[in-house]
């Protein structure tokens, strides 16, 4: 048994779905779990539906209609017969979505988000599974929510591994091809849909691989593999042929976007190799994450995070910043849902770089001012460089203002104002 995961970019249109078939035919794996994300930018479009549900209800119907039109075009390009059963299946899913939006009275944003956004994966896998059947590739459609059991922490649910293991053992046929959704789970008490967080489809692939003792996992992307830097921001990049689990977890922790941080841990536990390959060039070797050499080739790796916030705190009475002060700061960071990217402290000051994902900065700053003198910089960029050379750091910070630098044996982190 092997596990393949196809992201939204790989199934963004009818040609993408057809290319997925090409990948399956070229790799010719008889026993597969195929994890599929929502098509193209559907997750973002459904996020807009959620926004309208709370803030602009008159626009809900139109925003759903545009998503329907997007999928109907893909269906029409894949199935010449509009009376094919897949049209009824997709229409039924959109009816369920509309029924939820009309009947729900919930004010819990995260709950509504998960119920709405989940339709992206349900629709995409319905289309992919039906198309495979249409062209003669036998497969089984599996609702991932019947397998991945979670708590009720909507938008970032935690997996109940014991129940999930049993569910997957009971529901997944170890033979043949199974099509299922990434990103989705269901909480145990009421069976409401949950999601596993941003890029959670990679994590889904790892969950199934772990529970099935899979031979390996392949994530199919629009890049040749894991690069040492994001080509959108760096002109010279190198393909990493092999990365150890430890190094990959370090890169993911610091924000490398190719691999989801939670994906690697269950795979490492059972030493299941992870491949990242191009869905456009499926025969190329890509990148392998697994046991062995730390990095091949051994080269510097650059990770960039834009639009961060650097907050610097000092005491109002010139006293030392002690453990009780710091514990309060972390309590408030958690309370206001701030993702901490870097911390640095001295006897009289404490600095923290955060991602203001949920736009709670003003409320956090107001709370901090009750106990501290507060300075902050918005719109800063955090660079993390693994295995760097001094000349590379010098070139990186040229014509930039360095607000904070932190260095360890293998890692340099810089907060700069561009």
Protein backbone atom coordinates (compact mmCIF):
# COMPACT_ATOMS: atom_id res chain seq x y z
CA UNK A 1 0.00 0.00 0.00
CA UNK A 2 1.18 3.49 -0.92
CA UNK A 3 -0.38 6.91 -0.38
CA UNK A 4 -0.57 9.69 -3.00
CA UNK A 5 -1.68 13.22 -2.25
CA UNK A 6 -2.75 15.69 -4.95
CA UNK A 7 -3.11 19.34 -3.99
CA UNK A 8 -5.51 21.93 -5.32
CA UNK A 9 -3.13 23.14 -8.04
CA UNK A 10 -2.96 19.63 -9.51
CA UNK A 11 -6.76 19.45 -9.98
CA UNK A 12 -7.52 23.11 -10.71
CA UNK A 13 -9.29 22.30 -13.98
CA UNK A 14 -10.35 19.40 -16.21
CA UNK A 15 -6.85 19.07 -17.66
CA UNK A 16 -5.51 18.74 -14.13
CA UNK A 17 -7.88 15.86 -13.39
CA UNK A 18 -6.83 14.20 -16.64
CA UNK A 19 -3.18 14.67 -15.68
CA UNK A 20 -3.89 13.00 -12.32
CA UNK A 21 -4.97 9.99 -14.36
CA UNK A 22 -1.71 10.16 -16.34
CA UNK A 23 0.25 10.09 -13.08
CA UNK A 24 -1.70 7.06 -11.86
CA UNK A 25 -1.13 5.29 -15.18
CA UNK A 26 2.59 6.04 -15.33
CA UNK A 27 3.28 5.07 -11.72
CA UNK A 28 1.01 2.03 -12.13
CA UNK A 29 0.58 1.36 -8.42
CA UNK A 30 -2.15 -1.25 -7.86
CA UNK A 31 -2.85 -0.52 -4.18
CA UNK A 32 -3.24 3.17 -3.37
CA UNK A 33 -4.95 5.63 -1.10
CA UNK A 34 -5.28 8.83 -3.13
CA UNK A 35 -5.85 11.94 -1.02
CA UNK A 36 -7.25 14.91 -2.99
CA UNK A 37 -7.58 18.56 -2.00
CA UNK A 38 -10.25 21.03 -3.08
CA UNK A 39 -9.92 22.16 -6.70
CA UNK A 40 -7.83 25.24 -7.43
CA UNK A 41 -8.72 28.15 -5.14
CA UNK A 42 -12.00 26.62 -3.93
CA UNK A 43 -10.98 26.71 -0.25
CA UNK A 44 -10.41 30.47 -0.47
CA UNK A 45 -13.70 30.91 -2.36
CA UNK A 46 -15.58 28.98 0.33
CA UNK A 47 -13.82 31.10 2.95
CA UNK A 48 -15.41 34.09 1.21
CA UNK A 49 -18.80 32.37 1.55
CA UNK A 50 -18.17 32.11 5.30
CA UNK A 51 -17.25 35.80 5.40
CA UNK A 52 -20.50 36.69 3.63
CA UNK A 53 -22.48 34.41 5.95
CA UNK A 54 -21.38 36.54 8.91
CA UNK A 55 -20.86 39.98 7.38
CA UNK A 56 -22.66 40.26 4.04
CA UNK A 57 -25.55 37.75 3.91
CA UNK A 58 -27.05 39.19 0.73
CA UNK A 59 -23.94 38.02 -1.15
CA UNK A 60 -23.96 34.40 0.10
CA UNK A 61 -26.03 33.04 -2.77
CA UNK A 62 -23.90 34.73 -5.43
CA UNK A 63 -20.63 33.55 -3.89
CA UNK A 64 -21.88 29.95 -3.80
CA UNK A 65 -23.13 30.23 -7.39
CA UNK A 66 -19.68 31.23 -8.66
CA UNK A 67 -18.18 28.15 -6.99
CA UNK A 68 -20.89 26.00 -8.57
CA UNK A 69 -20.16 27.49 -12.02
CA UNK A 70 -16.43 26.78 -11.58
CA UNK A 71 -17.08 23.10 -10.83
CA UNK A 72 -19.79 22.75 -13.46
CA UNK A 73 -17.31 23.88 -16.12
CA UNK A 74 -14.87 21.18 -14.99
CA UNK A 75 -17.64 18.58 -15.01
CA UNK A 76 -18.74 19.60 -18.50
CA UNK A 77 -15.19 19.23 -19.80
CA UNK A 78 -14.81 15.78 -18.23
CA UNK A 79 -18.23 14.25 -18.90
CA UNK A 80 -19.90 14.70 -22.27
CA UNK A 81 -23.19 13.29 -20.99
CA UNK A 82 -24.82 15.81 -18.64
CA UNK A 83 -27.18 13.08 -17.37
CA UNK A 84 -24.21 11.27 -15.86
CA UNK A 85 -24.76 10.47 -12.17
CA UNK A 86 -21.84 12.69 -11.09
CA UNK A 87 -23.90 15.80 -11.93
CA UNK A 88 -26.59 14.64 -9.51
CA UNK A 89 -23.99 13.86 -6.83
CA UNK A 90 -22.38 17.30 -7.13
CA UNK A 91 -25.78 19.04 -7.19
CA UNK A 92 -26.69 17.17 -4.01
CA UNK A 93 -23.54 18.42 -2.29
CA UNK A 94 -24.30 22.02 -3.27
CA UNK A 95 -27.86 21.57 -1.98
CA UNK A 96 -26.45 20.37 1.35
CA UNK A 97 -24.17 23.41 1.45
CA UNK A 98 -27.02 25.81 0.73
CA UNK A 99 -29.29 24.08 3.24
CA UNK A 100 -26.65 24.49 5.94
CA UNK A 101 -26.15 28.18 5.14
CA UNK A 102 -29.91 28.82 5.30
CA UNK A 103 -30.66 26.78 8.43
CA UNK A 104 -27.58 27.37 10.60
CA UNK A 105 -27.88 29.94 13.37
CA UNK A 106 -24.37 29.39 14.71
CA UNK A 107 -22.24 32.40 15.61
CA UNK A 108 -19.14 30.23 16.05
CA UNK A 109 -16.95 31.28 13.12
CA UNK A 110 -14.57 28.32 13.31
CA UNK A 111 -17.46 25.83 13.42
CA UNK A 112 -19.22 27.40 10.43
CA UNK A 113 -15.94 27.61 8.55
CA UNK A 114 -15.30 23.88 8.87
CA UNK A 115 -18.84 22.91 7.86
CA UNK A 116 -18.71 25.13 4.76
CA UNK A 117 -15.13 24.78 3.57
CA UNK A 118 -15.24 20.97 3.80
CA UNK A 119 -17.48 20.88 0.72
CA UNK A 120 -14.46 21.76 -1.43
CA UNK A 121 -12.82 18.40 -0.78
CA UNK A 122 -16.08 16.47 -0.91
CA UNK A 123 -16.88 17.90 -4.36
CA UNK A 124 -13.37 17.42 -5.77
CA UNK A 125 -13.13 13.78 -4.70
CA UNK A 126 -16.63 13.07 -6.02
CA UNK A 127 -15.55 14.38 -9.42
CA UNK A 128 -12.18 12.60 -9.44
CA UNK A 129 -13.63 9.27 -8.31
CA UNK A 130 -16.43 9.45 -10.89
CA UNK A 131 -14.03 10.35 -13.68
CA UNK A 132 -11.71 7.46 -12.84
CA UNK A 133 -14.68 5.09 -12.96
CA UNK A 134 -15.83 6.63 -16.23
CA UNK A 135 -12.53 5.84 -17.98
CA UNK A 136 -12.29 2.36 -16.53
CA UNK A 137 -10.09 2.82 -13.46
CA UNK A 138 -11.87 0.99 -10.67
CA UNK A 139 -11.79 2.83 -7.35
CA UNK A 140 -13.57 3.16 -4.02
CA UNK A 141 -14.85 6.54 -2.77
CA UNK A 142 -14.19 6.99 0.96
CA UNK A 143 -15.48 9.80 3.17
CA UNK A 144 -12.43 10.70 5.28
CA UNK A 145 -14.75 11.86 8.07
CA UNK A 146 -15.65 8.22 8.70
CA UNK A 147 -11.98 7.55 9.42
CA UNK A 148 -10.21 10.60 10.87
CA UNK A 149 -11.58 11.09 14.40
CA UNK A 150 -10.74 14.41 16.06
CA UNK A 151 -11.63 16.68 18.95
CA UNK A 152 -13.83 19.75 18.39
CA UNK A 153 -11.00 22.26 17.95
CA UNK A 154 -12.44 23.58 14.69
CA UNK A 155 -9.98 24.84 12.02
CA UNK A 156 -7.14 22.99 13.73
CA UNK A 157 -8.55 19.74 15.09
CA UNK A 158 -6.37 17.25 16.96
CA UNK A 159 -6.45 13.62 15.86
CA UNK A 160 -7.62 10.85 18.17
CA UNK A 161 -5.12 8.28 16.98
CA UNK A 162 -6.62 5.26 18.70
CA UNK A 163 -10.09 5.71 17.18
CA UNK A 164 -8.64 6.79 13.82
CA UNK A 165 -6.45 3.70 13.63
CA UNK A 166 -9.47 1.46 14.23
CA UNK A 167 -11.63 3.39 11.73
CA UNK A 168 -9.03 3.16 8.98
CA UNK A 169 -8.46 -0.54 9.65
CA UNK A 170 -12.24 -1.10 9.39
CA UNK A 171 -12.94 1.10 6.35
CA UNK A 172 -9.95 1.07 4.00
CA UNK A 173 -9.55 -1.81 1.58
CA UNK A 174 -5.82 -2.65 1.45
CA UNK A 175 -6.27 -3.67 -2.18
CA UNK A 176 -7.14 -1.43 -5.11
CA UNK A 177 -7.44 2.37 -5.33
CA UNK A 178 -9.26 4.41 -2.68
CA UNK A 179 -10.12 8.07 -3.28
CA UNK A 180 -10.53 10.22 -0.17
CA UNK A 181 -10.39 13.83 1.01
CA UNK A 182 -7.51 15.67 2.55
CA UNK A 183 -7.95 18.18 5.36
CA UNK A 184 -11.16 16.68 6.83
CA UNK A 185 -12.11 14.84 9.99
CA UNK A 186 -15.09 14.54 12.29
CA UNK A 187 -15.36 15.18 16.00
CA UNK A 188 -16.43 12.19 18.02
CA UNK A 189 -19.29 13.48 20.18
CA UNK A 190 -21.65 14.97 17.54
CA UNK A 191 -19.97 13.86 14.30
CA UNK A 192 -19.64 17.46 13.08
CA UNK A 193 -17.03 18.04 10.37
CA UNK A 194 -13.64 19.36 11.45
CA UNK A 195 -10.57 20.46 9.52
CA UNK A 196 -6.94 19.77 10.33
CA UNK A 197 -5.54 23.26 9.75
CA UNK A 198 -3.77 24.95 6.87
CA UNK A 199 -2.21 22.49 4.41
CA UNK A 200 -3.87 19.71 6.38
CA UNK A 201 -4.19 17.48 3.29
CA UNK A 202 -0.52 16.56 3.60
CA UNK A 203 -1.23 15.60 7.21
CA UNK A 204 -4.17 13.46 6.08
CA UNK A 205 -1.84 11.53 3.78
CA UNK A 206 0.52 10.92 6.70
CA UNK A 207 -2.36 9.79 8.94
CA UNK A 208 -3.50 7.18 6.45
CA UNK A 209 0.08 6.07 5.78
CA UNK A 210 0.79 5.64 9.49
CA UNK A 211 -2.39 3.69 10.18
CA UNK A 212 -1.94 1.48 7.09
CA UNK A 213 1.81 0.92 7.56
CA UNK A 214 2.21 2.24 4.02
CA UNK A 215 5.40 1.71 2.06
CA UNK A 216 5.71 5.43 1.30
CA UNK A 217 3.84 8.70 0.73
CA UNK A 218 4.12 10.89 -2.37
CA UNK A 219 2.95 14.51 -2.40
CA UNK A 220 2.38 15.65 -5.99
CA UNK A 221 3.01 19.37 -6.49
CA UNK A 222 3.69 21.95 -9.19
CA UNK A 223 7.38 22.08 -8.22
CA UNK A 224 10.12 19.51 -8.95
CA UNK A 225 10.51 18.73 -5.24
CA UNK A 226 11.69 20.54 -2.12
CA UNK A 227 13.86 23.52 -3.03
CA UNK A 228 16.34 25.22 -0.73
CA UNK A 229 14.43 28.51 -1.10
CA UNK A 230 11.14 29.84 -2.41
CA UNK A 231 11.67 30.72 -6.10
CA UNK A 232 9.12 33.54 -5.79
CA UNK A 233 11.60 35.45 -3.62
CA UNK A 234 15.02 33.98 -4.43
CA UNK A 235 16.46 33.95 -7.95
CA UNK A 236 18.83 31.01 -7.44
CA UNK A 237 17.39 27.83 -5.96
CA UNK A 238 18.56 24.22 -5.73
CA UNK A 239 16.59 21.00 -5.62
CA UNK A 240 17.18 19.01 -2.43
CA UNK A 241 17.42 15.34 -3.42
CA UNK A 242 17.31 13.95 0.12
CA UNK A 243 16.43 15.44 3.50
CA UNK A 244 16.55 13.62 6.82
CA UNK A 245 13.40 13.56 8.95
CA UNK A 246 15.09 15.76 11.55
CA UNK A 247 16.19 18.37 9.02
CA UNK A 248 12.78 18.38 7.32
CA UNK A 249 11.04 18.88 10.66
CA UNK A 250 13.39 21.81 11.40
CA UNK A 251 12.63 23.36 8.00
CA UNK A 252 8.89 22.82 8.46
CA UNK A 253 9.01 24.28 11.98
CA UNK A 254 10.58 27.45 10.67
CA UNK A 255 7.97 27.75 7.94
CA UNK A 256 9.14 25.96 4.79
CA UNK A 257 5.87 25.81 2.88
CA UNK A 258 6.34 22.62 0.88
CA UNK A 259 5.76 20.24 3.81
CA UNK A 260 3.23 20.70 6.60
CA UNK A 261 4.93 20.57 10.03
CA UNK A 262 2.58 17.91 11.45
CA UNK A 263 2.98 15.68 8.40
CA UNK A 264 6.46 14.45 9.21
CA UNK A 265 6.09 13.24 12.79
CA UNK A 266 3.87 10.17 12.21
CA UNK A 267 5.95 9.23 9.17
CA UNK A 268 9.20 9.43 11.13
CA UNK A 269 7.74 7.26 13.89
CA UNK A 270 7.37 4.36 11.45
CA UNK A 271 10.21 5.42 9.15
CA UNK A 272 7.86 5.81 6.18
CA UNK A 273 9.63 7.73 3.37
CA UNK A 274 7.96 10.88 2.02
CA UNK A 275 8.48 11.87 -1.61
CA UNK A 276 7.71 15.31 -3.04
CA UNK A 277 7.40 15.14 -6.82
CA UNK A 278 6.15 17.15 -9.78
CA UNK A 279 2.76 16.12 -11.15
CA UNK A 280 3.94 17.55 -14.49
CA UNK A 281 7.03 15.32 -14.63
CA UNK A 282 6.01 12.27 -12.66
CA UNK A 283 9.04 10.18 -13.67
CA UNK A 284 11.53 12.64 -12.15
CA UNK A 285 12.94 11.54 -8.77
CA UNK A 286 11.90 14.65 -6.80
CA UNK A 287 12.86 14.87 -3.15
CA UNK A 288 12.93 12.06 -0.59
CA UNK A 289 12.47 12.76 3.11
CA UNK A 290 13.61 9.79 5.15
CA UNK A 291 16.45 8.13 6.99
CA UNK A 292 20.05 8.85 6.11
CA UNK A 293 22.08 11.88 5.10
CA UNK A 294 21.01 15.20 6.60
CA UNK A 295 20.90 17.11 3.30
CA UNK A 296 21.83 16.21 -0.26
CA UNK A 297 23.24 18.46 -1.56
CA UNK A 298 24.51 20.12 1.61
CA UNK A 299 23.53 23.73 0.96
CA UNK A 300 22.05 26.72 2.74
CA UNK A 301 18.26 26.75 3.05
CA UNK A 302 16.32 30.02 3.15
CA UNK A 303 12.85 30.49 4.63
CA UNK A 304 11.00 33.79 4.45
CA UNK A 305 7.89 34.99 6.27
CA UNK A 306 6.44 38.37 5.33
CA UNK A 307 4.02 40.65 7.20
CA UNK A 308 5.15 39.68 10.68
CA UNK A 309 4.93 41.84 13.81
CA UNK A 310 7.89 42.43 16.14
CA UNK A 311 6.87 43.41 19.67
CA UNK A 312 9.44 44.58 22.22
CA UNK A 313 8.51 44.81 25.91
CA UNK A 314 10.22 46.41 28.88
CA UNK A 315 8.99 46.87 32.43
CA UNK A 316 7.28 50.09 33.42
CA UNK A 317 9.33 50.42 36.61
CA UNK A 318 12.73 49.33 35.22
CA UNK A 319 12.54 46.01 37.08
CA UNK A 320 13.79 42.78 35.58
CA UNK A 321 11.67 40.71 33.18
CA UNK A 322 11.19 37.55 35.22
CA UNK A 323 9.48 34.21 34.63
CA UNK A 324 6.12 35.40 35.94
CA UNK A 325 6.13 38.30 33.46
CA UNK A 326 7.00 36.00 30.57
CA UNK A 327 4.33 33.46 31.54
CA UNK A 328 1.71 36.23 31.40
CA UNK A 329 2.92 37.28 27.95
CA UNK A 330 2.60 33.74 26.61
CA UNK A 331 -0.83 33.37 28.18
CA UNK A 332 -2.01 36.48 26.31
CA UNK A 333 -0.34 35.40 23.06
CA UNK A 334 -2.31 32.16 23.30
CA UNK A 335 -5.50 33.98 24.27
CA UNK A 336 -5.29 36.28 21.22
CA UNK A 337 -4.27 33.42 18.87
CA UNK A 338 -0.86 34.79 17.96
CA UNK A 339 1.56 32.34 16.37
CA UNK A 340 4.99 32.88 17.90
CA UNK A 341 7.80 32.76 15.34
CA UNK A 342 10.77 33.91 17.45
CA UNK A 343 11.51 35.08 20.98
CA UNK A 344 14.48 36.85 22.55
CA UNK A 345 14.85 38.12 26.07
CA UNK A 346 17.33 39.84 28.33
CA UNK A 347 17.15 40.95 31.95
CA UNK A 348 15.19 44.10 31.13
CA UNK A 349 13.48 43.37 27.81
CA UNK A 350 11.52 40.72 25.95
CA UNK A 351 10.99 40.61 22.18
CA UNK A 352 8.64 38.37 20.25
CA UNK A 353 7.94 38.02 16.53
CA UNK A 354 4.35 36.99 15.82
CA UNK A 355 2.00 36.27 12.95
CA UNK A 356 -1.17 38.33 13.40
CA UNK A 357 -3.26 35.77 11.50
CA UNK A 358 -6.54 36.55 13.26
CA UNK A 359 -6.13 40.36 13.36
CA UNK A 360 -6.08 40.56 17.15
CA UNK A 361 -3.01 42.81 17.38
CA UNK A 362 -4.74 45.90 18.79
CA UNK A 363 -6.40 43.90 21.56
CA UNK A 364 -3.10 42.21 22.44
CA UNK A 365 -1.20 45.49 22.53
CA UNK A 366 -3.83 47.02 24.82
CA UNK A 367 -3.43 44.08 27.21
CA UNK A 368 0.37 44.27 27.15
CA UNK A 369 0.35 48.01 27.91
CA UNK A 370 -1.26 47.26 31.27
CA UNK A 371 2.03 45.76 32.48
CA UNK A 372 4.75 46.81 30.05
CA UNK A 373 6.22 49.59 28.00
CA UNK A 374 5.45 48.39 24.48
CA UNK A 375 7.13 49.08 21.15
CA UNK A 376 6.21 47.30 17.94
CA UNK A 377 6.92 47.14 14.23
CA UNK A 378 4.36 45.85 11.76
CA UNK A 379 5.06 44.53 8.27
CA UNK A 380 8.50 43.16 9.06
CA UNK A 381 10.05 40.13 7.35
CA UNK A 382 11.50 37.13 9.17
CA UNK A 383 14.32 35.27 7.43
CA UNK A 384 15.46 31.90 8.71
CA UNK A 385 18.63 30.47 7.18
CA UNK A 386 19.84 26.93 7.88
CA UNK A 387 23.53 26.06 7.31
CA UNK A 388 24.34 29.57 6.16
CA UNK A 389 27.65 31.11 5.10
CA UNK A 390 28.65 34.59 6.37
CA UNK A 391 28.78 35.90 2.80
CA UNK A 392 25.17 34.82 2.24
CA UNK A 393 23.98 36.64 5.35
CA UNK A 394 25.87 39.77 4.28
CA UNK A 395 24.25 39.70 0.85
CA UNK A 396 20.81 39.04 2.31
CA UNK A 397 20.78 42.07 4.62
CA UNK A 398 22.22 44.52 2.10
CA UNK A 399 20.04 47.65 1.95
CA UNK A 400 17.81 46.30 4.74
CA UNK A 401 17.41 47.43 8.35
CA UNK A 402 18.05 44.55 10.75
CA UNK A 403 15.79 44.88 13.79
CA UNK A 404 16.81 41.65 15.49
CA UNK A 405 19.28 38.83 14.88
CA UNK A 406 19.42 35.45 16.56
CA UNK A 407 22.02 32.80 15.80
CA UNK A 408 22.65 29.20 16.83
CA UNK A 409 24.99 26.53 15.51
CA UNK A 410 22.90 25.64 12.45
CA UNK A 411 20.37 28.49 12.19
CA UNK A 412 20.40 32.25 11.74
CA UNK A 413 17.19 34.25 12.09
CA UNK A 414 16.86 37.87 11.04
CA UNK A 415 13.95 40.26 11.43
CA UNK A 416 14.31 43.04 8.89
CA UNK A 417 12.49 46.08 7.66
CA UNK A 418 12.63 46.05 3.87
